[in-house]
Amino acid sequence: MKLYVGNLPFSVQEEDLKELFSEYGSVTSVQLIIDRETGRSKGFGFVELSDDDEAANAIEELNGKDFSGRAVIVNEARPREPRDNNRSFGNGNRGRR
């Protein structure tokens, strides 16, 4: 099960998340979301545990708990919504007359 982990301190590294969640089960992947422009963490990421029961236990135990001075948010990750890469600029004229 893939978990969303939010309200993370910007100083947290992927290894920190792996260590935290490994107490609750077998971590199969960790992805910390990084801002492309600054190279800093955006304060959230995803952790995947191999067993759904272990993931549910991690949610129960960690959601709202203090982690490096912040109350983290942990819940089941939702599927990513499709992005609209065909952005419209009003009526499509973009300044033409």
PDB file of N, CA and C in Angstrom:
ATOM      1  N   MET A   1       0.850  -1.179   0.000  1.00  0.00           N
ATOM      2  CA  MET A   1       0.000   0.000   0.000  1.00  0.00           C
ATOM      3  C   MET A   1       0.895   1.241   0.000  1.00  0.00           C
ATOM      4  N   LYS A   2       0.519   2.203  -0.822  1.00  0.00           N
ATOM      5  CA  LYS A   2       1.272   3.452  -0.916  1.00  0.00           C
ATOM      6  C   LYS A   2       0.646   4.478   0.025  1.00  0.00           C
ATOM      7  N   LEU A   3       1.492   5.139   0.816  1.00  0.00           N
ATOM      8  CA  LEU A   3       1.034   6.106   1.798  1.00  0.00           C
ATOM      9  C   LEU A   3       1.518   7.508   1.439  1.00  0.00           C
ATOM     10  N   TYR A   4       0.651   8.479   1.666  1.00  0.00           N
ATOM     11  CA  TYR A   4       1.012   9.883   1.555  1.00  0.00           C
ATOM     12  C   TYR A   4       1.527  10.319   2.923  1.00  0.00           C
ATOM     13  N   VAL A   5       2.640  11.028   2.955  1.00  0.00           N
ATOM     14  CA  VAL A   5       3.204  11.537   4.203  1.00  0.00           C
ATOM     15  C   VAL A   5       3.413  13.039   4.024  1.00  0.00           C
ATOM     16  N   GLY A   6       2.683  13.839   4.793  1.00  0.00           N
ATOM     17  CA  GLY A   6       2.737  15.285   4.640  1.00  0.00           C
ATOM     18  C   GLY A   6       3.133  16.008   5.908  1.00  0.00           C
ATOM     19  N   ASN A   7       3.283  17.313   5.778  1.00  0.00           N
ATOM     20  CA  ASN A   7       3.704  18.204   6.858  1.00  0.00           C
ATOM     21  C   ASN A   7       5.084  17.824   7.390  1.00  0.00           C
ATOM     22  N   LEU A   8       5.948  17.436   6.462  1.00  0.00           N
ATOM     23  CA  LEU A   8       7.315  17.057   6.832  1.00  0.00           C
ATOM     24  C   LEU A   8       8.201  18.284   6.923  1.00  0.00           C
ATOM     25  N   PRO A   9       9.171  18.266   7.832  1.00  0.00           N
ATOM     26  CA  PRO A   9      10.161  19.339   7.855  1.00  0.00           C
ATOM     27  C   PRO A   9      10.947  19.310   6.537  1.00  0.00           C
ATOM     28  N   PHE A  10      11.354  20.475   6.059  1.00  0.00           N
ATOM     29  CA  PHE A  10      12.070  20.547   4.790  1.00  0.00           C
ATOM     30  C   PHE A  10      13.439  19.881   4.861  1.00  0.00           C
ATOM     31  N   SER A  11      13.936  19.636   6.063  1.00  0.00           N
ATOM     32  CA  SER A  11      15.247  19.019   6.243  1.00  0.00           C
ATOM     33  C   SER A  11      15.214  17.489   6.160  1.00  0.00           C
ATOM     34  N   VAL A  12      14.038  16.886   6.125  1.00  0.00           N
ATOM     35  CA  VAL A  12      13.915  15.427   6.111  1.00  0.00           C
ATOM     36  C   VAL A  12      14.434  14.861   4.798  1.00  0.00           C
ATOM     37  N   GLN A  13      15.147  13.744   4.902  1.00  0.00           N
ATOM     38  CA  GLN A  13      15.678  13.023   3.745  1.00  0.00           C
ATOM     39  C   GLN A  13      14.911  11.712   3.570  1.00  0.00           C
ATOM     40  N   GLU A  14      15.010  11.109   2.378  1.00  0.00           N
ATOM     41  CA  GLU A  14      14.324   9.839   2.113  1.00  0.00           C
ATOM     42  C   GLU A  14      14.741   8.762   3.117  1.00  0.00           C
ATOM     43  N   GLU A  15      16.019   8.750   3.480  1.00  0.00           N
ATOM     44  CA  GLU A  15      16.515   7.756   4.431  1.00  0.00           C
ATOM     45  C   GLU A  15      15.830   7.900   5.796  1.00  0.00           C
ATOM     46  N   ASP A  16      15.508   9.133   6.203  1.00  0.00           N
ATOM     47  CA  ASP A  16      14.801   9.362   7.470  1.00  0.00           C
ATOM     48  C   ASP A  16      13.413   8.729   7.433  1.00  0.00           C
ATOM     49  N   LEU A  17      12.716   8.891   6.303  1.00  0.00           N
ATOM     50  CA  LEU A  17      11.379   8.304   6.168  1.00  0.00           C
ATOM     51  C   LEU A  17      11.450   6.788   6.159  1.00  0.00           C
ATOM     52  N   LYS A  18      12.437   6.253   5.455  1.00  0.00           N
ATOM     53  CA  LYS A  18      12.586   4.795   5.403  1.00  0.00           C
ATOM     54  C   LYS A  18      12.813   4.232   6.800  1.00  0.00           C
ATOM     55  N   GLU A  19      13.663   4.902   7.560  1.00  0.00           N
ATOM     56  CA  GLU A  19      13.950   4.449   8.929  1.00  0.00           C
ATOM     57  C   GLU A  19      12.695   4.511   9.799  1.00  0.00           C
ATOM     58  N   LEU A  20      11.935   5.594   9.695  1.00  0.00           N
ATOM     59  CA  LEU A  20      10.720   5.754  10.484  1.00  0.00           C
ATOM     60  C   LEU A  20       9.696   4.664  10.167  1.00  0.00           C
ATOM     61  N   PHE A  21       9.444   4.436   8.886  1.00  0.00           N
ATOM     62  CA  PHE A  21       8.402   3.487   8.492  1.00  0.00           C
ATOM     63  C   PHE A  21       8.833   2.034   8.588  1.00  0.00           C
ATOM     64  N   SER A  22      10.119   1.764   8.590  1.00  0.00           N
ATOM     65  CA  SER A  22      10.588   0.380   8.688  1.00  0.00           C
ATOM     66  C   SER A  22      10.262  -0.230  10.045  1.00  0.00           C
ATOM     67  N   GLU A  23       9.955   0.621  11.032  1.00  0.00           N
ATOM     68  CA  GLU A  23       9.515   0.106  12.332  1.00  0.00           C
ATOM     69  C   GLU A  23       8.148  -0.577  12.227  1.00  0.00           C
ATOM     70  N   TYR A  24       7.407  -0.289  11.158  1.00  0.00           N
ATOM     71  CA  TYR A  24       6.041  -0.812  11.009  1.00  0.00           C
ATOM     72  C   TYR A  24       5.922  -1.867   9.935  1.00  0.00           C
ATOM     73  N   GLY A  25       6.986  -2.102   9.168  1.00  0.00           N
ATOM     74  CA  GLY A  25       6.931  -3.132   8.145  1.00  0.00           C
ATOM     75  C   GLY A  25       8.032  -2.975   7.119  1.00  0.00           C
ATOM     76  N   SER A  26       7.909  -3.753   6.061  1.00  0.00           N
ATOM     77  CA  SER A  26       8.897  -3.776   5.001  1.00  0.00           C
ATOM     78  C   SER A  26       8.637  -2.641   4.008  1.00  0.00           C
ATOM     79  N   VAL A  27       9.532  -1.664   3.977  1.00  0.00           N
ATOM     80  CA  VAL A  27       9.400  -0.507   3.093  1.00  0.00           C
ATOM     81  C   VAL A  27       9.916  -0.900   1.711  1.00  0.00           C
ATOM     82  N   THR A  28       9.054  -0.775   0.696  1.00  0.00           N
ATOM     83  CA  THR A  28       9.464  -1.132  -0.663  1.00  0.00           C
ATOM     84  C   THR A  28       9.921   0.075  -1.465  1.00  0.00           C
ATOM     85  N   SER A  29       9.436   1.270  -1.112  1.00  0.00           N
ATOM     86  CA  SER A  29       9.903   2.475  -1.795  1.00  0.00           C
ATOM     87  C   SER A  29       9.620   3.718  -0.960  1.00  0.00           C
ATOM     88  N   VAL A  30      10.454   4.729  -1.175  1.00  0.00           N
ATOM     89  CA  VAL A  30      10.294   6.034  -0.533  1.00  0.00           C
ATOM     90  C   VAL A  30      10.543   7.083  -1.606  1.00  0.00           C
ATOM     91  N   GLN A  31       9.646   8.055  -1.695  1.00  0.00           N
ATOM     92  CA  GLN A  31       9.819   9.143  -2.663  1.00  0.00           C
ATOM     93  C   GLN A  31       9.495  10.457  -1.976  1.00  0.00           C
ATOM     94  N   LEU A  32      10.505  11.276  -1.797  1.00  0.00           N
ATOM     95  CA  LEU A  32      10.340  12.606  -1.239  1.00  0.00           C
ATOM     96  C   LEU A  32      10.195  13.563  -2.418  1.00  0.00           C
ATOM     97  N   ILE A  33       9.185  14.418  -2.394  1.00  0.00           N
ATOM     98  CA  ILE A  33       8.930  15.321  -3.513  1.00  0.00           C
ATOM     99  C   ILE A  33       9.798  16.569  -3.353  1.00  0.00           C
ATOM    100  N   ILE A  34      10.576  16.851  -4.401  1.00  0.00           N
ATOM    101  CA  ILE A  34      11.553  17.936  -4.390  1.00  0.00           C
ATOM    102  C   ILE A  34      11.126  19.034  -5.366  1.00  0.00           C
ATOM    103  N   ASP A  35      11.258  20.278  -4.941  1.00  0.00           N
ATOM    104  CA  ASP A  35      10.972  21.427  -5.805  1.00  0.00           C
ATOM    105  C   ASP A  35      12.076  21.536  -6.848  1.00  0.00           C
ATOM    106  N   ARG A  36      11.694  21.577  -8.125  1.00  0.00           N
ATOM    107  CA  ARG A  36      12.690  21.621  -9.210  1.00  0.00           C
ATOM    108  C   ARG A  36      13.537  22.886  -9.188  1.00  0.00           C
ATOM    109  N   GLU A  37      12.936  23.993  -8.816  1.00  0.00           N
ATOM    110  CA  GLU A  37      13.660  25.268  -8.851  1.00  0.00           C
ATOM    111  C   GLU A  37      14.629  25.440  -7.690  1.00  0.00           C
ATOM    112  N   THR A  38      14.204  25.043  -6.482  1.00  0.00           N
ATOM    113  CA  THR A  38      15.040  25.274  -5.301  1.00  0.00           C
ATOM    114  C   THR A  38      15.860  24.054  -4.894  1.00  0.00           C
ATOM    115  N   GLY A  39      15.434  22.860  -5.315  1.00  0.00           N
ATOM    116  CA  GLY A  39      16.117  21.645  -4.908  1.00  0.00           C
ATOM    117  C   GLY A  39      15.783  21.218  -3.492  1.00  0.00           C
ATOM    118  N   ARG A  40      14.858  21.941  -2.852  1.00  0.00           N
ATOM    119  CA  ARG A  40      14.430  21.611  -1.476  1.00  0.00           C
ATOM    120  C   ARG A  40      13.195  20.733  -1.498  1.00  0.00           C
ATOM    121  N   SER A  41      12.998  20.037  -0.401  1.00  0.00           N
ATOM    122  CA  SER A  41      11.797  19.230  -0.227  1.00  0.00           C
ATOM    123  C   SER A  41      10.566  20.126  -0.242  1.00  0.00           C
ATOM    124  N   LYS A  42       9.471  19.615  -0.787  1.00  0.00           N
ATOM    125  CA  LYS A  42       8.208  20.356  -0.758  1.00  0.00           C
ATOM    126  C   LYS A  42       7.423  20.061   0.520  1.00  0.00           C
ATOM    127  N   GLY A  43       7.976  19.215   1.388  1.00  0.00           N
ATOM    128  CA  GLY A  43       7.334  18.934   2.666  1.00  0.00           C
ATOM    129  C   GLY A  43       6.370  17.764   2.637  1.00  0.00           C
ATOM    130  N   PHE A  44       6.425  16.970   1.552  1.00  0.00           N
ATOM    131  CA  PHE A  44       5.602  15.766   1.518  1.00  0.00           C
ATOM    132  C   PHE A  44       6.274  14.710   0.648  1.00  0.00           C
ATOM    133  N   GLY A  45       5.784  13.493   0.783  1.00  0.00           N
ATOM    134  CA  GLY A  45       6.339  12.400   0.001  1.00  0.00           C
ATOM    135  C   GLY A  45       5.451  11.183   0.087  1.00  0.00           C
ATOM    136  N   PHE A  46       5.970  10.070  -0.407  1.00  0.00           N
ATOM    137  CA  PHE A  46       5.218   8.822  -0.444  1.00  0.00           C
ATOM    138  C   PHE A  46       6.097   7.691   0.042  1.00  0.00           C
ATOM    139  N   VAL A  47       5.481   6.794   0.811  1.00  0.00           N
ATOM    140  CA  VAL A  47       6.166   5.607   1.308  1.00  0.00           C
ATOM    141  C   VAL A  47       5.293   4.420   0.956  1.00  0.00           C
ATOM    142  N   GLU A  48       5.913   3.379   0.427  1.00  0.00           N
ATOM    143  CA  GLU A  48       5.162   2.179   0.080  1.00  0.00           C
ATOM    144  C   GLU A  48       5.621   1.030   0.967  1.00  0.00           C
ATOM    145  N   LEU A  49       4.639   0.376   1.599  1.00  0.00           N
ATOM    146  CA  LEU A  49       4.908  -0.795   2.428  1.00  0.00           C
ATOM    147  C   LEU A  49       4.370  -2.024   1.703  1.00  0.00           C
ATOM    148  N   SER A  50       5.056  -3.158   1.858  1.00  0.00           N
ATOM    149  CA  SER A  50       4.693  -4.360   1.109  1.00  0.00           C
ATOM    150  C   SER A  50       3.391  -4.996   1.580  1.00  0.00           C
ATOM    151  N   ASP A  51       3.006  -4.748   2.820  1.00  0.00           N
ATOM    152  CA  ASP A  51       1.827  -5.398   3.384  1.00  0.00           C
ATOM    153  C   ASP A  51       0.782  -4.356   3.784  1.00  0.00           C
ATOM    154  N   ASP A  52      -0.453  -4.540   3.350  1.00  0.00           N
ATOM    155  CA  ASP A  52      -1.524  -3.582   3.645  1.00  0.00           C
ATOM    156  C   ASP A  52      -1.809  -3.453   5.139  1.00  0.00           C
ATOM    157  N   ASP A  53      -1.710  -4.556   5.875  1.00  0.00           N
ATOM    158  CA  ASP A  53      -1.948  -4.498   7.324  1.00  0.00           C
ATOM    159  C   ASP A  53      -0.864  -3.668   8.020  1.00  0.00           C
ATOM    160  N   GLU A  54       0.380  -3.829   7.573  1.00  0.00           N
ATOM    161  CA  GLU A  54       1.478  -3.036   8.133  1.00  0.00           C
ATOM    162  C   GLU A  54       1.277  -1.557   7.816  1.00  0.00           C
ATOM    163  N   ALA A  55       0.826  -1.274   6.593  1.00  0.00           N
ATOM    164  CA  ALA A  55       0.580   0.115   6.184  1.00  0.00           C
ATOM    165  C   ALA A  55      -0.544   0.728   7.023  1.00  0.00           C
ATOM    166  N   ALA A  56      -1.609  -0.035   7.241  1.00  0.00           N
ATOM    167  CA  ALA A  56      -2.729   0.456   8.055  1.00  0.00           C
ATOM    168  C   ALA A  56      -2.261   0.729   9.480  1.00  0.00           C
ATOM    169  N   ASN A  57      -1.392  -0.110  10.002  1.00  0.00           N
ATOM    170  CA  ASN A  57      -0.841   0.089  11.344  1.00  0.00           C
ATOM    171  C   ASN A  57       0.026   1.344  11.386  1.00  0.00           C
ATOM    172  N   ALA A  58       0.815   1.576  10.335  1.00  0.00           N
ATOM    173  CA  ALA A  58       1.658   2.768  10.272  1.00  0.00           C
ATOM    174  C   ALA A  58       0.801   4.027  10.256  1.00  0.00           C
ATOM    175  N   ILE A  59      -0.303   4.000   9.519  1.00  0.00           N
ATOM    176  CA  ILE A  59      -1.225   5.143   9.490  1.00  0.00           C
ATOM    177  C   ILE A  59      -1.754   5.404  10.892  1.00  0.00           C
ATOM    178  N   GLU A  60      -2.223   4.339  11.531  1.00  0.00           N
ATOM    179  CA  GLU A  60      -2.802   4.431  12.872  1.00  0.00           C
ATOM    180  C   GLU A  60      -1.799   5.001  13.880  1.00  0.00           C
ATOM    181  N   GLU A  61      -0.561   4.532  13.802  1.00  0.00           N
ATOM    182  CA  GLU A  61       0.456   4.923  14.783  1.00  0.00           C
ATOM    183  C   GLU A  61       1.108   6.278  14.506  1.00  0.00           C
ATOM    184  N   LEU A  62       1.256   6.647  13.228  1.00  0.00           N
ATOM    185  CA  LEU A  62       2.051   7.828  12.903  1.00  0.00           C
ATOM    186  C   LEU A  62       1.251   9.083  12.562  1.00  0.00           C
ATOM    187  N   ASN A  63       0.020   8.940  12.104  1.00  0.00           N
ATOM    188  CA  ASN A  63      -0.752  10.115  11.715  1.00  0.00           C
ATOM    189  C   ASN A  63      -0.959  11.050  12.907  1.00  0.00           C
ATOM    190  N   GLY A  64      -0.502  12.294  12.759  1.00  0.00           N
ATOM    191  CA  GLY A  64      -0.636  13.290  13.816  1.00  0.00           C
ATOM    192  C   GLY A  64       0.467  13.273  14.852  1.00  0.00           C
ATOM    193  N   LYS A  65       1.382  12.318  14.740  1.00  0.00           N
ATOM    194  CA  LYS A  65       2.478  12.217  15.712  1.00  0.00           C
ATOM    195  C   LYS A  65       3.608  13.165  15.352  1.00  0.00           C
ATOM    196  N   ASP A  66       4.406  13.521  16.343  1.00  0.00           N
ATOM    197  CA  ASP A  66       5.545  14.406  16.150  1.00  0.00           C
ATOM    198  C   ASP A  66       6.677  13.673  15.440  1.00  0.00           C
ATOM    199  N   PHE A  67       7.183  14.296  14.391  1.00  0.00           N
ATOM    200  CA  PHE A  67       8.354  13.784  13.681  1.00  0.00           C
ATOM    201  C   PHE A  67       9.239  14.982  13.355  1.00  0.00           C
ATOM    202  N   SER A  68      10.367  15.046  14.006  1.00  0.00           N
ATOM    203  CA  SER A  68      11.302  16.165  13.838  1.00  0.00           C
ATOM    204  C   SER A  68      10.635  17.519  14.083  1.00  0.00           C
ATOM    205  N   GLY A  69       9.777  17.564  15.099  1.00  0.00           N
ATOM    206  CA  GLY A  69       9.154  18.819  15.495  1.00  0.00           C
ATOM    207  C   GLY A  69       7.865  19.186  14.775  1.00  0.00           C
ATOM    208  N   ARG A  70       7.357  18.293  13.927  1.00  0.00           N
ATOM    209  CA  ARG A  70       6.110  18.585  13.200  1.00  0.00           C
ATOM    210  C   ARG A  70       5.149  17.410  13.336  1.00  0.00           C
ATOM    211  N   ALA A  71       3.861  17.721  13.394  1.00  0.00           N
ATOM    212  CA  ALA A  71       2.827  16.679  13.440  1.00  0.00           C
ATOM    213  C   ALA A  71       2.572  16.210  12.009  1.00  0.00           C
ATOM    214  N   VAL A  72       3.080  15.028  11.676  1.00  0.00           N
ATOM    215  CA  VAL A  72       2.985  14.535  10.303  1.00  0.00           C
ATOM    216  C   VAL A  72       1.576  14.032   9.975  1.00  0.00           C
ATOM    217  N   ILE A  73       1.259  14.115   8.715  1.00  0.00           N
ATOM    218  CA  ILE A  73       0.003  13.596   8.190  1.00  0.00           C
ATOM    219  C   ILE A  73       0.341  12.319   7.435  1.00  0.00           C
ATOM    220  N   VAL A  74      -0.307  11.229   7.798  1.00  0.00           N
ATOM    221  CA  VAL A  74      -0.072   9.952   7.117  1.00  0.00           C
ATOM    222  C   VAL A  74      -1.425   9.362   6.762  1.00  0.00           C
ATOM    223  N   ASN A  75      -1.649   9.118   5.471  1.00  0.00           N
ATOM    224  CA  ASN A  75      -2.867   8.433   5.039  1.00  0.00           C
ATOM    225  C   ASN A  75      -2.608   7.695   3.742  1.00  0.00           C
ATOM    226  N   GLU A  76      -3.586   6.928   3.318  1.00  0.00           N
ATOM    227  CA  GLU A  76      -3.430   6.177   2.076  1.00  0.00           C
ATOM    228  C   GLU A  76      -3.376   7.156   0.909  1.00  0.00           C
ATOM    229  N   ALA A  77      -2.403   6.950   0.038  1.00  0.00           N
ATOM    230  CA  ALA A  77      -2.240   7.833  -1.118  1.00  0.00           C
ATOM    231  C   ALA A  77      -3.384   7.622  -2.100  1.00  0.00           C
ATOM    232  N   ARG A  78      -3.861   8.724  -2.657  1.00  0.00           N
ATOM    233  CA  ARG A  78      -4.893   8.653  -3.689  1.00  0.00           C
ATOM    234  C   ARG A  78      -4.219   8.595  -5.045  1.00  0.00           C
ATOM    235  N   PRO A  79      -4.895   8.022  -6.028  1.00  0.00           N
ATOM    236  CA  PRO A  79      -4.313   7.999  -7.373  1.00  0.00           C
ATOM    237  C   PRO A  79      -4.091   9.424  -7.878  1.00  0.00           C
ATOM    238  N   ARG A  80      -3.040   9.602  -8.626  1.00  0.00           N
ATOM    239  CA  ARG A  80      -2.700  10.915  -9.176  1.00  0.00           C
ATOM    240  C   ARG A  80      -3.727  11.311 -10.231  1.00  0.00           C
ATOM    241  N   GLU A  81      -4.195  12.551 -10.133  1.00  0.00           N
ATOM    242  CA  GLU A  81      -5.165  13.043 -11.112  1.00  0.00           C
ATOM    243  C   GLU A  81      -4.436  13.436 -12.378  1.00  0.00           C
ATOM    244  N   PRO A  82      -5.062  13.186 -13.536  1.00  0.00           N
ATOM    245  CA  PRO A  82      -4.406  13.565 -14.788  1.00  0.00           C
ATOM    246  C   PRO A  82      -4.234  15.076 -14.870  1.00  0.00           C
ATOM    247  N   ARG A  83      -3.111  15.509 -15.449  1.00  0.00           N
ATOM    248  CA  ARG A  83      -2.830  16.934 -15.606  1.00  0.00           C
ATOM    249  C   ARG A  83      -3.309  17.393 -16.969  1.00  0.00           C
ATOM    250  N   ASP A  84      -3.769  18.617 -17.031  1.00  0.00           N
ATOM    251  CA  ASP A  84      -4.171  19.216 -18.291  1.00  0.00           C
ATOM    252  C   ASP A  84      -2.967  19.956 -18.862  1.00  0.00           C
ATOM    253  N   ASN A  85      -2.243  19.288 -19.753  1.00  0.00           N
ATOM    254  CA  ASN A  85      -1.053  19.898 -20.341  1.00  0.00           C
ATOM    255  C   ASN A  85      -1.376  20.779 -21.536  1.00  0.00           C
ATOM    256  N   ASN A  86      -2.625  20.811 -21.924  1.00  0.00           N
ATOM    257  CA  ASN A  86      -3.061  21.633 -23.048  1.00  0.00           C
ATOM    258  C   ASN A  86      -3.750  22.868 -22.490  1.00  0.00           C
ATOM    259  N   ARG A  87      -2.964  23.711 -21.835  1.00  0.00           N
ATOM    260  CA  ARG A  87      -3.530  24.877 -21.157  1.00  0.00           C
ATOM    261  C   ARG A  87      -4.037  25.886 -22.159  1.00  0.00           C
ATOM    262  N   SER A  88      -5.182  26.432 -21.857  1.00  0.00           N
ATOM    263  CA  SER A  88      -5.807  27.425 -22.724  1.00  0.00           C
ATOM    264  C   SER A  88      -5.532  28.818 -22.179  1.00  0.00           C
ATOM    265  N   PHE A  89      -5.306  29.766 -23.063  1.00  0.00           N
ATOM    266  CA  PHE A  89      -5.109  31.154 -22.673  1.00  0.00           C
ATOM    267  C   PHE A  89      -6.326  31.945 -23.141  1.00  0.00           C
ATOM    268  N   GLY A  90      -7.383  31.911 -22.349  1.00  0.00           N
ATOM    269  CA  GLY A  90      -8.602  32.653 -22.707  1.00  0.00           C
ATOM    270  C   GLY A  90      -9.225  32.090 -23.957  1.00  0.00           C
ATOM    271  N   ASN A  91      -9.398  32.931 -24.973  1.00  0.00           N
ATOM    272  CA  ASN A  91     -10.061  32.482 -26.192  1.00  0.00           C
ATOM    273  C   ASN A  91      -9.077  31.913 -27.217  1.00  0.00           C
ATOM    274  N   GLY A  92      -7.829  31.782 -26.873  1.00  0.00           N
ATOM    275  CA  GLY A  92      -6.859  31.165 -27.765  1.00  0.00           C
ATOM    276  C   GLY A  92      -6.141  32.148 -28.680  1.00  0.00           C
ATOM    277  N   ASN A  93      -6.489  33.415 -28.647  1.00  0.00           N
ATOM    278  CA  ASN A  93      -5.856  34.386 -29.551  1.00  0.00           C
ATOM    279  C   ASN A  93      -4.487  34.835 -29.078  1.00  0.00           C
ATOM    280  N   ARG A  94      -4.222  34.795 -27.798  1.00  0.00           N
ATOM    281  CA  ARG A  94      -2.946  35.157 -27.205  1.00  0.00           C
ATOM    282  C   ARG A  94      -2.398  36.470 -27.737  1.00  0.00           C
ATOM    283  N   GLY A  95      -3.269  37.494 -27.760  1.00  0.00           N
ATOM    284  CA  GLY A  95      -2.816  38.828 -28.123  1.00  0.00           C
ATOM    285  C   GLY A  95      -2.917  39.157 -29.599  1.00  0.00           C
ATOM    286  N   ARG A  96      -3.324  38.202 -30.413  1.00  0.00           N
ATOM    287  CA  ARG A  96      -3.460  38.492 -31.845  1.00  0.00           C
ATOM    288  C   ARG A  96      -4.712  39.281 -32.109  1.00  0.00           C
ATOM    289  N   ARG A  97      -4.681  40.133 -33.147  1.00  0.00           N
ATOM    290  CA  ARG A  97      -5.869  40.931 -33.508  1.00  0.00           C
ATOM    291  C   ARG A  97      -6.338  40.621 -34.880  1.00  0.00           C
TER     292      ARG A  97
END
